[in-house]
Protein backbone atom coordinates (compact mmCIF):
# COMPACT_ATOMS: atom_id res chain seq x y z
CA UNK A 1 -63.82 2.77 -49.14
CA UNK A 2 -61.80 0.23 -47.14
CA UNK A 3 -61.56 0.71 -43.67
CA UNK A 4 -58.16 0.57 -42.30
CA UNK A 5 -57.73 -2.47 -39.51
CA UNK A 6 -54.62 -2.70 -37.83
CA UNK A 7 -52.31 -5.88 -37.16
CA UNK A 8 -49.74 -6.70 -35.27
CA UNK A 9 -47.99 -10.19 -36.45
CA UNK A 10 -47.12 -12.49 -33.42
CA UNK A 11 -44.81 -14.76 -35.53
CA UNK A 12 -41.56 -15.70 -33.86
CA UNK A 13 -41.46 -13.22 -31.02
CA UNK A 14 -41.30 -13.86 -27.28
CA UNK A 15 -44.27 -12.43 -24.98
CA UNK A 16 -42.33 -9.55 -24.03
CA UNK A 17 -41.18 -8.43 -27.57
CA UNK A 18 -44.81 -8.74 -28.78
CA UNK A 19 -46.21 -6.95 -25.96
CA UNK A 20 -43.95 -3.86 -27.32
CA UNK A 21 -45.37 -4.40 -30.76
CA UNK A 22 -48.90 -4.72 -28.92
CA UNK A 23 -47.98 -1.10 -27.69
CA UNK A 24 -47.21 0.27 -31.16
CA UNK A 25 -50.48 -1.12 -32.19
CA UNK A 26 -52.72 0.69 -29.44
CA UNK A 27 -50.68 3.97 -30.44
CA UNK A 28 -51.60 3.47 -34.04
CA UNK A 29 -55.02 3.18 -33.70
CA UNK A 30 -54.88 6.46 -31.40
CA UNK A 31 -56.94 5.83 -28.24
CA UNK A 32 -56.75 9.21 -27.39
CA UNK A 33 -58.86 10.40 -30.33
CA UNK A 34 -62.10 8.07 -29.16
CA UNK A 35 -61.34 8.64 -25.33
CA UNK A 36 -62.07 12.23 -23.78
CA UNK A 37 -60.93 13.43 -20.65
CA UNK A 38 -62.57 12.03 -17.61
CA UNK A 39 -64.96 9.81 -19.94
CA UNK A 40 -65.88 6.50 -18.18
CA UNK A 41 -64.71 4.12 -20.58
CA UNK A 42 -65.92 0.26 -20.52
CA UNK A 43 -63.27 -2.32 -21.43
CA UNK A 44 -65.82 -5.16 -22.25
CA UNK A 45 -63.03 -8.54 -22.02
CA UNK A 46 -64.54 -12.35 -21.80
CA UNK A 47 -62.85 -13.62 -18.03
CA UNK A 48 -63.42 -17.17 -19.24
CA UNK A 49 -65.35 -19.77 -17.23
CA UNK A 50 -63.79 -21.70 -14.51
CA UNK A 51 -61.77 -23.86 -15.88
CA UNK A 52 -60.92 -22.74 -19.46
CA UNK A 53 -57.31 -21.56 -20.41
CA UNK A 54 -57.76 -20.10 -23.67
CA UNK A 55 -59.40 -16.54 -22.76
CA UNK A 56 -57.55 -13.44 -23.17
CA UNK A 57 -54.41 -12.84 -20.78
CA UNK A 58 -54.80 -9.93 -18.39
CA UNK A 59 -51.46 -8.90 -19.96
CA UNK A 60 -53.16 -8.18 -23.00
CA UNK A 61 -55.65 -6.19 -21.28
CA UNK A 62 -53.53 -4.13 -19.00
CA UNK A 63 -52.01 -2.35 -21.91
CA UNK A 64 -55.55 -1.04 -23.20
CA UNK A 65 -56.01 0.21 -19.89
CA UNK A 66 -52.94 2.12 -19.25
CA UNK A 67 -53.67 4.15 -22.89
CA UNK A 68 -57.12 5.08 -21.73
CA UNK A 69 -55.44 6.44 -18.76
CA UNK A 70 -52.91 8.31 -20.72
CA UNK A 71 -55.60 9.64 -22.77
CA UNK A 72 -57.59 11.08 -19.45
CA UNK A 73 -60.23 8.68 -19.13
CA UNK A 74 -61.24 6.39 -16.76
CA UNK A 75 -61.33 2.93 -17.41
CA UNK A 76 -63.41 -0.34 -15.89
CA UNK A 77 -63.24 -3.82 -17.09
CA UNK A 78 -66.43 -5.45 -17.32
CA UNK A 79 -68.84 -8.28 -18.84
CA UNK A 80 -72.03 -9.04 -18.13
CA UNK A 81 -73.37 -12.60 -16.47
CA UNK A 82 -74.23 -15.59 -18.43
CA UNK A 83 -77.79 -16.79 -18.82
CA UNK A 84 -76.50 -20.63 -18.26
CA UNK A 85 -75.75 -22.05 -14.97
CA UNK A 86 -71.77 -22.03 -14.26
CA UNK A 87 -69.26 -19.79 -12.90
CA UNK A 88 -70.47 -16.51 -14.04
CA UNK A 89 -73.98 -16.78 -13.61
CA UNK A 90 -74.06 -13.79 -10.99
CA UNK A 91 -71.72 -11.09 -10.08
CA UNK A 92 -70.45 -12.73 -6.92
CA UNK A 93 -69.40 -16.02 -8.70
CA UNK A 94 -68.58 -13.95 -11.83
CA UNK A 95 -65.86 -11.65 -10.17
CA UNK A 96 -64.08 -14.48 -8.07
CA UNK A 97 -63.93 -16.54 -11.54
CA UNK A 98 -62.31 -13.06 -13.02
CA UNK A 99 -60.10 -12.81 -9.84
CA UNK A 100 -59.10 -16.48 -10.18
CA UNK A 101 -58.30 -16.02 -13.73
CA UNK A 102 -55.70 -13.27 -13.10
CA UNK A 103 -58.09 -10.03 -13.68
CA UNK A 104 -57.46 -8.38 -10.25
CA UNK A 105 -57.08 -4.27 -10.07
CA UNK A 106 -53.62 -4.43 -9.27
CA UNK A 107 -53.04 -6.51 -12.44
CA UNK A 108 -55.01 -4.65 -14.98
CA UNK A 109 -55.02 -0.94 -13.52
CA UNK A 110 -58.23 -0.61 -13.14
CA UNK A 111 -61.82 -2.20 -11.47
CA UNK A 112 -63.91 -4.65 -12.44
CA UNK A 113 -67.69 -3.88 -12.63
CA UNK A 114 -70.18 -6.90 -13.93
CA UNK A 115 -71.95 -4.46 -16.40
CA UNK A 116 -75.66 -6.05 -15.75
CA UNK A 117 -75.86 -6.03 -11.86
CA UNK A 118 -75.59 -8.74 -8.91
CA UNK A 119 -78.37 -11.24 -10.93
CA UNK A 120 -77.97 -10.33 -14.75
CA UNK A 121 -81.15 -8.35 -14.40
CA UNK A 122 -79.98 -4.76 -14.36
CA UNK A 123 -80.16 -3.81 -18.16
CA UNK A 124 -81.52 -0.87 -20.12
CA UNK A 125 -83.55 -1.60 -22.86
CA UNK A 126 -81.89 0.37 -25.83
CA UNK A 127 -84.24 1.40 -29.05
CA UNK A 128 -82.49 -0.07 -32.14
CA UNK A 129 -83.79 -0.27 -36.01
CA UNK A 130 -83.22 -4.02 -36.47
CA UNK A 131 -84.93 -6.21 -38.43
CA UNK A 132 -85.81 -8.58 -35.86
CA UNK A 133 -85.68 -6.70 -32.78
CA UNK A 134 -86.63 -2.77 -32.11
CA UNK A 135 -84.88 -2.83 -28.35
CA UNK A 136 -81.82 -4.27 -27.00
CA UNK A 137 -81.38 -5.23 -23.54
CA UNK A 138 -77.83 -4.15 -23.02
CA UNK A 139 -75.80 -4.29 -19.52
CA UNK A 140 -77.03 -0.97 -17.58
CA UNK A 141 -73.28 0.05 -16.79
CA UNK A 142 -72.18 -0.47 -20.59
CA UNK A 143 -75.09 1.93 -21.45
CA UNK A 144 -73.93 4.31 -19.08
CA UNK A 145 -70.36 4.32 -20.00
CA UNK A 146 -68.77 7.10 -22.56
CA UNK A 147 -66.82 4.95 -24.39
CA UNK A 148 -66.51 1.16 -25.13
CA UNK A 149 -63.42 -0.77 -25.80
CA UNK A 150 -64.00 -4.26 -26.91
CA UNK A 151 -60.93 -6.62 -26.31
CA UNK A 152 -62.08 -9.79 -27.56
CA UNK A 153 -60.81 -13.67 -28.05
CA UNK A 154 -61.12 -14.70 -31.80
CA UNK A 155 -61.97 -18.45 -31.96
CA UNK A 156 -64.59 -20.60 -33.40
CA UNK A 157 -68.00 -20.91 -31.90
CA UNK A 158 -70.45 -23.67 -32.10
CA UNK A 159 -73.47 -21.64 -33.37
CA UNK A 160 -71.92 -18.49 -35.06
CA UNK A 161 -68.90 -20.59 -36.50
CA UNK A 162 -66.43 -17.87 -35.31
CA UNK A 163 -66.68 -15.52 -32.21
CA UNK A 164 -64.64 -12.09 -32.19
CA UNK A 165 -65.72 -8.64 -31.87
CA UNK A 166 -69.51 -9.00 -32.94
CA UNK A 167 -69.94 -11.60 -30.61
CA UNK A 168 -68.57 -10.01 -27.76
CA UNK A 169 -70.69 -7.07 -28.46
CA UNK A 170 -73.91 -8.79 -29.52
CA UNK A 171 -73.84 -11.24 -27.10
CA UNK A 172 -71.69 -10.60 -24.33
CA UNK A 173 -72.96 -6.69 -23.54
CA UNK A 174 -76.60 -8.14 -23.08
CA UNK A 175 -78.21 -8.56 -19.99
CA UNK A 176 -80.13 -12.29 -19.14
CA UNK A 177 -83.26 -11.16 -20.88
CA UNK A 178 -81.14 -10.29 -24.05
CA UNK A 179 -78.99 -13.51 -23.82
CA UNK A 180 -82.58 -15.32 -23.94
CA UNK A 181 -84.12 -13.52 -26.94
CA UNK A 182 -80.67 -14.30 -28.85
CA UNK A 183 -80.71 -18.08 -28.24
CA UNK A 184 -84.32 -18.82 -27.91
CA UNK A 185 -87.65 -17.35 -29.16
CA UNK A 186 -89.61 -19.45 -26.85
CA UNK A 187 -90.05 -19.61 -23.01
CA UNK A 188 -87.91 -21.93 -20.87
CA UNK A 189 -89.29 -25.18 -19.88
CA UNK A 190 -89.45 -27.28 -16.40
CA UNK A 191 -87.85 -30.73 -16.36
CA UNK A 192 -90.43 -31.89 -14.32
CA UNK A 193 -88.20 -35.47 -13.30
CA UNK A 194 -86.26 -33.25 -11.54
CA UNK A 195 -88.07 -30.10 -9.99
CA UNK A 196 -89.06 -30.85 -6.65
CA UNK A 197 -91.66 -28.06 -6.39
CA UNK A 198 -89.93 -25.82 -4.11
CA UNK A 199 -91.18 -22.66 -5.46
CA UNK A 200 -88.00 -20.87 -5.43
CA UNK A 201 -88.82 -19.71 -8.96
CA UNK A 202 -92.12 -18.12 -8.14
CA UNK A 203 -90.46 -16.00 -5.66
CA UNK A 204 -87.99 -14.33 -8.08
CA UNK A 205 -90.25 -14.22 -11.29
CA UNK A 206 -91.08 -10.55 -11.86
CA UNK A 207 -93.98 -11.41 -14.12
CA UNK A 208 -95.63 -13.78 -11.99
CA UNK A 209 -95.51 -16.37 -14.55
CA UNK A 210 -94.47 -18.99 -12.37
CA UNK A 211 -96.53 -21.16 -10.51
CA UNK A 212 -96.20 -24.59 -8.65
CA UNK A 213 -98.71 -27.70 -8.20
CA UNK A 214 -96.91 -31.06 -7.84
CA UNK A 215 -94.14 -29.45 -10.04
CA UNK A 216 -93.71 -25.88 -11.30
CA UNK A 217 -94.98 -24.58 -14.47
CA UNK A 218 -94.11 -21.58 -16.67
CA UNK A 219 -97.26 -19.13 -18.36
CA UNK A 220 -96.03 -18.43 -21.72
CA UNK A 221 -98.37 -15.86 -21.90
CA UNK A 222 -97.05 -13.47 -19.06
CA UNK A 223 -93.51 -14.91 -19.28
CA UNK A 224 -91.30 -11.94 -20.24
CA UNK A 225 -88.11 -14.26 -20.83
CA UNK A 226 -86.07 -12.68 -18.70
CA UNK A 227 -84.33 -15.96 -17.41
CA UNK A 228 -84.61 -15.45 -13.74
CA UNK A 229 -86.18 -18.59 -13.41
CA UNK A 230 -83.03 -20.50 -14.65
CA UNK A 231 -80.19 -19.09 -12.61
CA UNK A 232 -82.66 -19.48 -9.51
CA UNK A 233 -83.85 -23.06 -9.68
CA UNK A 234 -81.95 -24.79 -7.10
CA UNK A 235 -81.78 -28.33 -8.89
CA UNK A 236 -81.05 -26.75 -12.38
CA UNK A 237 -85.02 -28.12 -13.70
CA UNK A 238 -85.68 -24.86 -15.43
CA UNK A 239 -83.74 -24.97 -19.08
CA UNK A 240 -83.54 -22.89 -21.93
CA UNK A 241 -85.18 -24.19 -25.35
CA UNK A 242 -82.09 -23.82 -28.02
CA UNK A 243 -84.47 -23.75 -30.83
CA UNK A 244 -82.85 -20.94 -32.93
CA UNK A 245 -80.94 -21.77 -36.05
CA UNK A 246 -77.45 -20.47 -36.66
CA UNK A 247 -78.38 -18.24 -38.95
CA UNK A 248 -81.22 -16.66 -36.85
CA UNK A 249 -78.59 -16.60 -34.10
CA UNK A 250 -76.16 -14.96 -35.92
CA UNK A 251 -78.48 -12.12 -37.20
CA UNK A 252 -79.77 -11.21 -33.71
CA UNK A 253 -76.69 -11.10 -32.34
CA UNK A 254 -75.48 -8.90 -34.77
CA UNK A 255 -78.59 -6.39 -34.13
CA UNK A 256 -77.48 -6.43 -30.33
CA UNK A 257 -74.32 -4.94 -31.23
CA UNK A 258 -76.40 -2.03 -32.36
CA UNK A 259 -77.57 -1.79 -28.61
CA UNK A 260 -74.19 -2.39 -27.35
CA UNK A 261 -72.72 0.99 -29.61
CA UNK A 262 -75.67 3.16 -29.39
CA UNK A 263 -74.26 6.51 -28.64
CA UNK A 264 -70.74 5.10 -28.74
CA UNK A 265 -69.73 4.67 -32.37
CA UNK A 266 -67.43 7.37 -32.45
CA UNK A 267 -66.15 6.49 -29.13
CA UNK A 268 -65.33 2.80 -29.51
CA UNK A 269 -62.27 0.47 -30.39
CA UNK A 270 -61.87 -3.10 -31.13
CA UNK A 271 -59.21 -5.66 -30.68
CA UNK A 272 -59.24 -8.96 -31.72
CA UNK A 273 -56.74 -11.44 -29.94
CA UNK A 274 -56.28 -14.19 -32.49
CA UNK A 275 -54.17 -16.72 -30.17
CA UNK A 276 -55.37 -20.17 -28.38
CA UNK A 277 -57.74 -20.02 -31.68
CA UNK A 278 -59.84 -22.87 -30.05
CA UNK A 279 -62.74 -24.70 -31.64
CA UNK A 280 -65.44 -23.15 -29.08
CA UNK A 281 -66.45 -20.51 -26.91
CA UNK A 282 -64.74 -19.84 -23.70
CA UNK A 283 -67.85 -20.14 -21.83
CA UNK A 284 -66.80 -23.79 -21.72
CA UNK A 285 -64.96 -24.83 -18.59
CA UNK A 286 -62.40 -26.32 -20.81
CA UNK A 287 -60.50 -25.28 -23.99
CA UNK A 288 -59.48 -28.06 -26.68
CA UNK A 289 -56.70 -27.50 -29.03
CA UNK A 290 -56.03 -24.92 -30.98
CA UNK A 291 -57.16 -25.20 -34.31
CA UNK A 292 -54.25 -22.86 -35.84
CA UNK A 293 -51.02 -21.58 -34.83
CA UNK A 294 -51.03 -18.28 -33.15
CA UNK A 295 -51.67 -15.12 -35.53
CA UNK A 296 -51.68 -11.75 -33.53
CA UNK A 297 -53.83 -8.87 -32.81
CA UNK A 298 -55.96 -7.05 -34.81
CA UNK A 299 -57.60 -3.78 -34.60
CA UNK A 300 -59.70 -0.75 -35.53
CA UNK A 301 -62.67 1.51 -35.20
CA UNK A 302 -65.17 -0.82 -37.66
CA UNK A 303 -66.44 -4.11 -35.58
CA UNK A 304 -67.29 -5.80 -39.02
CA UNK A 305 -63.79 -5.00 -40.38
CA UNK A 306 -61.91 -6.18 -37.68
CA UNK A 307 -63.87 -9.37 -37.54
CA UNK A 308 -63.44 -9.82 -41.16
CA UNK A 309 -59.79 -9.19 -41.62
CA UNK A 310 -59.53 -11.75 -38.04
CA UNK A 311 -61.30 -14.74 -40.05
CA UNK A 312 -59.45 -14.00 -43.22
CA UNK A 313 -56.09 -14.02 -41.36
CA UNK A 314 -57.20 -17.46 -39.87
CA UNK A 315 -58.21 -18.71 -42.81
CA UNK A 316 -54.42 -18.03 -44.39
CA UNK A 317 -52.94 -20.01 -41.56
CA UNK A 318 -51.68 -23.58 -41.94
CA UNK A 319 -54.60 -25.95 -39.76
CA UNK A 320 -53.23 -28.02 -36.88
CA UNK A 321 -53.89 -31.68 -37.60
CA UNK A 322 -55.17 -33.87 -34.70
CA UNK A 323 -57.49 -31.22 -33.51
CA UNK A 324 -61.37 -30.65 -34.15
CA UNK A 325 -60.43 -29.07 -37.47
CA UNK A 326 -60.91 -32.28 -39.43
CA UNK A 327 -60.68 -30.63 -42.95
CA UNK A 328 -59.63 -27.67 -44.70
CA UNK A 329 -55.84 -27.51 -43.22
CA UNK A 330 -54.21 -25.82 -46.28
CA UNK A 331 -53.46 -22.07 -46.08
CA UNK A 332 -56.55 -20.30 -47.80
CA UNK A 333 -59.18 -23.11 -46.54
CA UNK A 334 -61.85 -22.05 -44.66
CA UNK A 335 -60.86 -23.27 -40.85
CA UNK A 336 -64.20 -22.68 -39.07
CA UNK A 337 -66.04 -24.44 -42.01
CA UNK A 338 -63.71 -27.27 -41.30
CA UNK A 339 -65.04 -27.54 -37.57
CA UNK A 340 -68.78 -26.56 -38.31
CA UNK A 341 -69.28 -27.09 -42.24
CA UNK A 342 -73.24 -26.61 -41.25
CA UNK A 343 -72.62 -23.14 -40.45
CA UNK A 344 -72.35 -20.03 -42.50
CA UNK A 345 -70.24 -17.70 -40.35
CA UNK A 346 -70.54 -15.05 -43.16
CA UNK A 347 -74.03 -14.61 -41.80
CA UNK A 348 -73.28 -11.97 -38.59
CA UNK A 349 -70.91 -10.10 -41.21
CA UNK A 350 -73.47 -9.91 -44.19
CA UNK A 351 -76.22 -8.97 -41.56
CA UNK A 352 -74.16 -6.37 -39.67
CA UNK A 353 -73.24 -4.33 -42.79
CA UNK A 354 -76.75 -4.26 -43.83
CA UNK A 355 -77.38 -2.76 -40.65
CA UNK A 356 -74.78 -0.26 -41.28
CA UNK A 357 -72.44 -1.25 -38.49
CA UNK A 358 -69.59 -1.42 -40.55
CA UNK A 359 -67.83 -2.50 -44.12
CA UNK A 360 -66.35 -6.10 -44.75
CA UNK A 361 -63.92 -4.07 -46.84
CA UNK A 362 -60.63 -3.39 -45.01
CA UNK A 363 -56.96 -2.38 -45.73
CA UNK A 364 -54.68 -4.32 -43.35
CA UNK A 365 -52.22 -1.98 -41.68
CA UNK A 366 -49.07 -3.71 -40.51
CA UNK A 367 -47.40 -2.85 -37.48
CA UNK A 368 -43.58 -3.58 -37.64
């Protein structure tokens, strides 16, 4: 049976009028049916790397927070720290970046909590039944929450073709160890040319896998893949080996969604904000021109259906000339293959459906 996906079209509307339509969308998906009174509700967002301008605006997060409060829930807005060194690699920088991008308690009506702790190592190994993983390392405060509402920026992605709800759940809810497991199947490597042999990495490695002679080295037999050394190294000499194929990456990401949603399948909601559709992730410290005009917001209780509906809406739109979209500009053309012709983005949807995370069959219900 096709899953309902609600859609608020932004075409021809001012921001104030669209926010009113967004309120009607939120009412249609019935937040109260998913949020019990006094429930702690994780509102999962992506605050954007410093310098990025395409992330979901706080003005789209506040109505969701308000709806949770109206239902009697207690919301907190959250994300997990990044694997790479940037402006969101630990909670201190992450919270300042969020603040600089307008995500303050006053603006969004809820506190900000980085779900995997100060250094990204506060994660829970959640048992899952995947084809690749039997556990998913998920940010502890997301695991502890009673409900999960995912507000995602729908855009292109250089490894998965597009990034939406499945990406925000699978990669975004993972602790650092989980992020590394999805991106790589081997231990990090040390770049000897820049390593100074300071030994800082040996002090933070929880598995005693680091040693220092003239330069640092990693014992792959004892390395547990937590990624702490990557963020600890003061010269950036410990680096991720990005060796996963795009197909494997997408499957791993879908399996991590199982961990993010464990115990919350009936207390979760998903929103895709299909505006500022950039060709790449908001983890970059910049934003390239948008590849299609702004489309609107989709929402539903099925993460697979919401992503499938979103990609279909993008593909139905006309492409914008002079952007990273080099081909497939006509309505109906595959826009994400027009940017990344080598990536089959359907892998993430097909694997998620196989894992019984949801259905690719949907009925679009447009909000008037």
